[in-house]
Protein backbone atom coordinates (compact mmCIF):
# COMPACT_ATOMS: atom_id res chain seq x y z
CA MET A 1 -114.34 -2.15 -69.88
CA ILE A 2 -113.40 -3.81 -66.58
CA HIS A 3 -112.86 -0.45 -64.92
CA ASP A 4 -116.27 0.78 -66.14
CA GLN A 5 -117.94 -2.25 -64.56
CA GLN A 6 -116.03 -1.68 -61.32
CA ARG A 7 -117.02 2.00 -61.25
CA HIS A 8 -120.65 1.09 -61.91
CA GLU A 9 -120.64 -1.49 -59.11
CA LEU A 10 -118.95 0.93 -56.73
CA PHE A 11 -121.47 3.67 -57.58
CA HIS A 12 -124.36 1.31 -56.84
CA ILE A 13 -122.81 0.15 -53.56
CA ARG A 14 -122.06 3.74 -52.50
CA THR A 15 -125.66 4.77 -53.19
CA MET A 16 -126.99 1.94 -51.04
CA VAL A 17 -124.50 2.50 -48.20
CA LEU A 18 -125.49 6.17 -48.09
CA GLU A 19 -129.14 5.09 -47.96
CA LEU A 20 -128.40 2.75 -45.05
CA GLU A 21 -126.61 5.59 -43.30
CA ARG A 22 -129.63 7.86 -43.83
CA LEU A 23 -132.02 5.21 -42.50
CA VAL A 24 -129.95 4.71 -39.35
CA GLN A 25 -129.70 8.46 -38.77
CA ASN A 26 -133.50 8.66 -39.05
CA GLY A 27 -133.84 5.91 -36.45
CA ASP A 28 -135.24 3.36 -38.89
CA ASP A 29 -134.66 -0.32 -38.25
CA LEU A 30 -132.41 -2.18 -40.68
CA SER A 31 -134.21 -5.49 -40.80
CA PRO A 32 -131.93 -8.52 -41.21
CA LYS A 33 -134.87 -10.18 -43.00
CA THR A 34 -134.30 -7.85 -45.96
CA PRO A 35 -130.78 -8.57 -47.24
CA VAL A 36 -130.28 -5.23 -48.98
CA LEU A 37 -130.96 -3.46 -45.68
CA HIS A 38 -128.26 -5.42 -43.88
CA PRO A 39 -124.73 -3.94 -43.77
CA GLY A 40 -123.25 -7.46 -44.08
CA TYR A 41 -124.76 -7.82 -47.55
CA TRP A 42 -123.00 -4.67 -48.75
CA ARG A 43 -119.80 -5.63 -46.94
CA SER A 44 -119.79 -8.88 -48.96
CA ARG A 45 -120.34 -6.97 -52.21
CA ILE A 46 -117.47 -4.62 -51.38
CA ASN A 47 -115.16 -7.51 -50.51
CA ALA A 48 -116.06 -9.18 -53.82
CA LEU A 49 -115.23 -5.94 -55.62
CA LEU A 50 -111.92 -5.68 -53.76
CA ALA A 51 -111.07 -9.21 -54.93
CA THR A 52 -111.59 -8.23 -58.58
CA PRO A 53 -108.47 -8.59 -60.73
CA MET A 54 -106.91 -5.35 -61.97
CA LEU A 55 -108.84 -3.19 -59.51
CA SER A 56 -107.71 0.41 -59.72
CA ARG A 57 -106.16 2.01 -56.64
CA ALA A 58 -108.84 4.73 -56.64
CA THR A 59 -111.65 2.15 -56.64
CA ALA A 60 -109.93 0.16 -53.88
CA ASP A 61 -109.57 3.31 -51.77
CA GLN A 62 -113.22 4.24 -52.26
CA ALA A 63 -114.33 0.69 -51.46
CA SER A 64 -112.27 0.75 -48.26
CA ALA A 65 -113.91 4.03 -47.25
CA LEU A 66 -117.32 2.45 -47.77
CA LEU A 67 -116.30 -0.46 -45.52
CA GLN A 68 -115.50 2.09 -42.82
CA LYS A 69 -118.92 3.69 -43.31
CA LEU A 70 -120.53 0.27 -42.89
CA ASN A 71 -118.60 -0.24 -39.66
CA CYS A 72 -120.01 3.06 -38.38
CA ILE A 73 -123.50 2.08 -39.46
CA THR A 74 -123.18 -1.20 -37.59
CA GLY A 75 -121.97 0.70 -34.53
CA GLU A 76 -124.97 2.99 -34.75
CA GLN A 77 -127.29 0.00 -34.86
CA HIS A 78 -125.83 -1.37 -31.65
CA LYS A 79 -126.26 2.01 -29.91
CA CYS A 80 -129.94 2.05 -30.83
CA LYS A 81 -130.74 -1.42 -29.50
């Protein structure tokens, strides 16, 4: 049951991180006024997931990869400003 919840949370986070990546690639602004469009919001969700007891290694690896994607997205934002 715990692993199903973790997988569901990771799937949701991955979907949103990919959407942020798409928005940045299209040149759209990620407004800090809208929390779900801010990479920091998703970074916090990933860190909370990583702190979950009994997290599987596969989920931890995927979460770490998403953190790297967020770092790239943040870098892209700074290039555009």
